[in-house]
Amino acid sequence: MTQDEIMALAKQAGFERLGHTDDDWVCLPKNVKNFAEIIALAERKTWEVEFAGMGEWACVHLLQERNK
């Protein structure tokens, strides 16, 4: 995921910019929870596309390799 994509998801979760730089953001605890849920959903969608048609064990081995 690119920085621009992450920033767009942060805005979607309710984060607000305070200034004109990428370092000036404000959020409430509920925004952090929303952001985590949105990021998790985006990652699951990416994995669904990547793993489509692969067998279960192929996916397991691929994930194990990524986590090394």
N, C-alpha and C. Protein backbone atom coordinates (compact mmCIF):
# COMPACT_ATOMS: atom_id res chain seq x y z
N MET A 1 0.84 -1.16 0.00
CA MET A 1 0.00 0.00 0.00
C MET A 1 0.90 1.24 0.00
N THR A 2 0.53 2.20 -0.81
CA THR A 2 1.34 3.42 -0.88
C THR A 2 0.95 4.38 0.24
N GLN A 3 1.81 5.38 0.47
CA GLN A 3 1.52 6.37 1.50
C GLN A 3 0.23 7.12 1.15
N ASP A 4 0.03 7.45 -0.11
CA ASP A 4 -1.19 8.14 -0.52
C ASP A 4 -2.44 7.31 -0.24
N GLU A 5 -2.35 6.00 -0.49
CA GLU A 5 -3.49 5.12 -0.21
C GLU A 5 -3.77 5.07 1.29
N ILE A 6 -2.73 5.00 2.10
CA ILE A 6 -2.90 4.97 3.55
C ILE A 6 -3.51 6.27 4.04
N MET A 7 -3.06 7.39 3.50
CA MET A 7 -3.61 8.68 3.91
C MET A 7 -5.08 8.80 3.51
N ALA A 8 -5.44 8.27 2.35
CA ALA A 8 -6.84 8.30 1.93
C ALA A 8 -7.70 7.45 2.87
N LEU A 9 -7.16 6.31 3.31
CA LEU A 9 -7.89 5.47 4.25
C LEU A 9 -8.01 6.13 5.61
N ALA A 10 -6.98 6.86 6.02
CA ALA A 10 -7.04 7.60 7.29
C ALA A 10 -8.15 8.66 7.24
N LYS A 11 -8.25 9.37 6.13
CA LYS A 11 -9.32 10.35 5.97
C LYS A 11 -10.68 9.67 6.02
N GLN A 12 -10.79 8.51 5.37
CA GLN A 12 -12.03 7.75 5.38
C GLN A 12 -12.41 7.34 6.80
N ALA A 13 -11.41 7.06 7.64
CA ALA A 13 -11.65 6.64 9.01
C ALA A 13 -12.00 7.81 9.93
N GLY A 14 -11.84 9.04 9.43
CA GLY A 14 -12.19 10.20 10.25
C GLY A 14 -11.03 11.05 10.72
N PHE A 15 -9.80 10.67 10.34
CA PHE A 15 -8.66 11.50 10.69
C PHE A 15 -8.80 12.84 9.96
N GLU A 16 -8.37 13.91 10.60
CA GLU A 16 -8.46 15.23 9.99
C GLU A 16 -7.10 15.91 10.00
N ARG A 17 -6.82 16.61 8.92
CA ARG A 17 -5.56 17.36 8.84
C ARG A 17 -5.71 18.67 9.60
N LEU A 18 -4.68 19.01 10.34
CA LEU A 18 -4.66 20.28 11.07
C LEU A 18 -3.87 21.34 10.32
N GLY A 19 -2.91 20.90 9.56
CA GLY A 19 -2.04 21.85 8.86
C GLY A 19 -1.86 21.45 7.42
N HIS A 20 -0.77 21.91 6.86
CA HIS A 20 -0.52 21.68 5.45
C HIS A 20 0.54 20.62 5.19
N THR A 21 1.04 20.01 6.24
CA THR A 21 2.04 18.96 6.06
C THR A 21 1.43 17.60 6.39
N ASP A 22 2.11 16.56 6.00
CA ASP A 22 1.63 15.21 6.26
C ASP A 22 1.77 14.81 7.73
N ASP A 23 2.40 15.66 8.54
CA ASP A 23 2.63 15.34 9.94
C ASP A 23 1.57 15.91 10.87
N ASP A 24 0.65 16.72 10.35
CA ASP A 24 -0.32 17.41 11.19
C ASP A 24 -1.71 16.79 11.06
N TRP A 25 -1.96 15.76 11.85
CA TRP A 25 -3.24 15.05 11.82
C TRP A 25 -3.79 14.96 13.24
N VAL A 26 -5.10 14.86 13.34
CA VAL A 26 -5.75 14.66 14.64
C VAL A 26 -6.81 13.57 14.46
N CYS A 27 -6.99 12.80 15.52
CA CYS A 27 -8.02 11.75 15.47
C CYS A 27 -8.48 11.44 16.88
N LEU A 28 -9.64 10.84 16.95
CA LEU A 28 -10.20 10.37 18.21
C LEU A 28 -9.97 8.86 18.30
N PRO A 29 -10.08 8.30 19.51
CA PRO A 29 -9.89 6.84 19.63
C PRO A 29 -10.78 6.04 18.68
N LYS A 30 -12.02 6.48 18.46
CA LYS A 30 -12.89 5.74 17.55
C LYS A 30 -12.34 5.77 16.12
N ASN A 31 -11.63 6.87 15.76
CA ASN A 31 -11.03 6.96 14.43
C ASN A 31 -9.92 5.94 14.27
N VAL A 32 -9.16 5.70 15.33
CA VAL A 32 -8.07 4.73 15.28
C VAL A 32 -8.66 3.33 15.06
N LYS A 33 -9.73 3.01 15.77
CA LYS A 33 -10.40 1.72 15.60
C LYS A 33 -10.94 1.60 14.17
N ASN A 34 -11.58 2.64 13.68
CA ASN A 34 -12.10 2.62 12.30
C ASN A 34 -10.96 2.42 11.30
N PHE A 35 -9.85 3.10 11.52
CA PHE A 35 -8.69 3.01 10.62
C PHE A 35 -8.15 1.58 10.60
N ALA A 36 -8.03 0.97 11.77
CA ALA A 36 -7.54 -0.41 11.84
C ALA A 36 -8.47 -1.35 11.08
N GLU A 37 -9.77 -1.17 11.22
CA GLU A 37 -10.73 -2.01 10.51
C GLU A 37 -10.66 -1.80 9.00
N ILE A 38 -10.52 -0.55 8.58
CA ILE A 38 -10.43 -0.24 7.15
C ILE A 38 -9.15 -0.82 6.54
N ILE A 39 -8.04 -0.69 7.24
CA ILE A 39 -6.76 -1.24 6.76
C ILE A 39 -6.86 -2.77 6.66
N ALA A 40 -7.42 -3.40 7.68
CA ALA A 40 -7.56 -4.86 7.66
C ALA A 40 -8.42 -5.31 6.48
N LEU A 41 -9.51 -4.60 6.22
CA LEU A 41 -10.36 -4.95 5.09
C LEU A 41 -9.62 -4.79 3.77
N ALA A 42 -8.87 -3.71 3.63
CA ALA A 42 -8.11 -3.48 2.39
C ALA A 42 -7.08 -4.58 2.19
N GLU A 43 -6.41 -5.00 3.26
CA GLU A 43 -5.42 -6.08 3.17
C GLU A 43 -6.09 -7.39 2.79
N ARG A 44 -7.25 -7.68 3.39
CA ARG A 44 -7.96 -8.92 3.06
C ARG A 44 -8.35 -8.94 1.59
N LYS A 45 -8.81 -7.81 1.07
CA LYS A 45 -9.19 -7.74 -0.34
C LYS A 45 -7.98 -7.98 -1.24
N THR A 46 -6.84 -7.41 -0.86
CA THR A 46 -5.61 -7.61 -1.62
C THR A 46 -5.23 -9.09 -1.62
N TRP A 47 -5.32 -9.72 -0.48
CA TRP A 47 -4.98 -11.14 -0.37
C TRP A 47 -5.95 -12.00 -1.16
N GLU A 48 -7.24 -11.64 -1.14
CA GLU A 48 -8.22 -12.41 -1.89
C GLU A 48 -7.87 -12.45 -3.37
N VAL A 49 -7.47 -11.31 -3.89
CA VAL A 49 -7.10 -11.22 -5.30
C VAL A 49 -5.83 -12.03 -5.55
N GLU A 50 -4.85 -11.84 -4.67
CA GLU A 50 -3.56 -12.51 -4.85
C GLU A 50 -3.67 -14.03 -4.73
N PHE A 51 -4.51 -14.51 -3.81
CA PHE A 51 -4.59 -15.94 -3.53
C PHE A 51 -5.71 -16.64 -4.31
N ALA A 52 -6.45 -15.91 -5.11
CA ALA A 52 -7.58 -16.51 -5.84
C ALA A 52 -7.09 -17.69 -6.68
N GLY A 53 -7.74 -18.82 -6.50
CA GLY A 53 -7.42 -20.00 -7.28
C GLY A 53 -6.28 -20.84 -6.74
N MET A 54 -5.58 -20.35 -5.72
CA MET A 54 -4.49 -21.14 -5.14
C MET A 54 -5.07 -22.14 -4.14
N GLY A 55 -4.41 -23.24 -3.99
CA GLY A 55 -4.83 -24.21 -2.99
C GLY A 55 -4.50 -23.70 -1.59
N GLU A 56 -5.16 -24.27 -0.60
CA GLU A 56 -4.99 -23.83 0.78
C GLU A 56 -3.52 -23.91 1.23
N TRP A 57 -2.86 -25.02 0.95
CA TRP A 57 -1.48 -25.18 1.42
C TRP A 57 -0.53 -24.25 0.69
N ALA A 58 -0.79 -23.96 -0.56
CA ALA A 58 0.05 -23.00 -1.29
C ALA A 58 -0.03 -21.63 -0.62
N CYS A 59 -1.22 -21.24 -0.17
CA CYS A 59 -1.39 -19.96 0.52
C CYS A 59 -0.65 -19.96 1.86
N VAL A 60 -0.76 -21.06 2.58
CA VAL A 60 -0.08 -21.18 3.88
C VAL A 60 1.43 -21.03 3.70
N HIS A 61 2.00 -21.72 2.73
CA HIS A 61 3.44 -21.66 2.50
C HIS A 61 3.87 -20.27 2.04
N LEU A 62 3.06 -19.63 1.22
CA LEU A 62 3.38 -18.27 0.77
C LEU A 62 3.40 -17.31 1.95
N LEU A 63 2.43 -17.41 2.84
CA LEU A 63 2.38 -16.55 4.02
C LEU A 63 3.56 -16.82 4.96
N GLN A 64 3.93 -18.10 5.10
CA GLN A 64 5.07 -18.43 5.95
C GLN A 64 6.34 -17.80 5.39
N GLU A 65 6.51 -17.83 4.09
CA GLU A 65 7.70 -17.23 3.46
C GLU A 65 7.73 -15.72 3.69
N ARG A 66 6.59 -15.08 3.62
CA ARG A 66 6.53 -13.63 3.82
C ARG A 66 6.90 -13.25 5.24
N ASN A 67 6.59 -14.10 6.21
CA ASN A 67 6.81 -13.78 7.62
C ASN A 67 8.22 -14.10 8.11
N LYS A 68 9.08 -14.59 7.24
CA LYS A 68 10.45 -14.92 7.66
C LYS A 68 11.27 -13.67 7.83
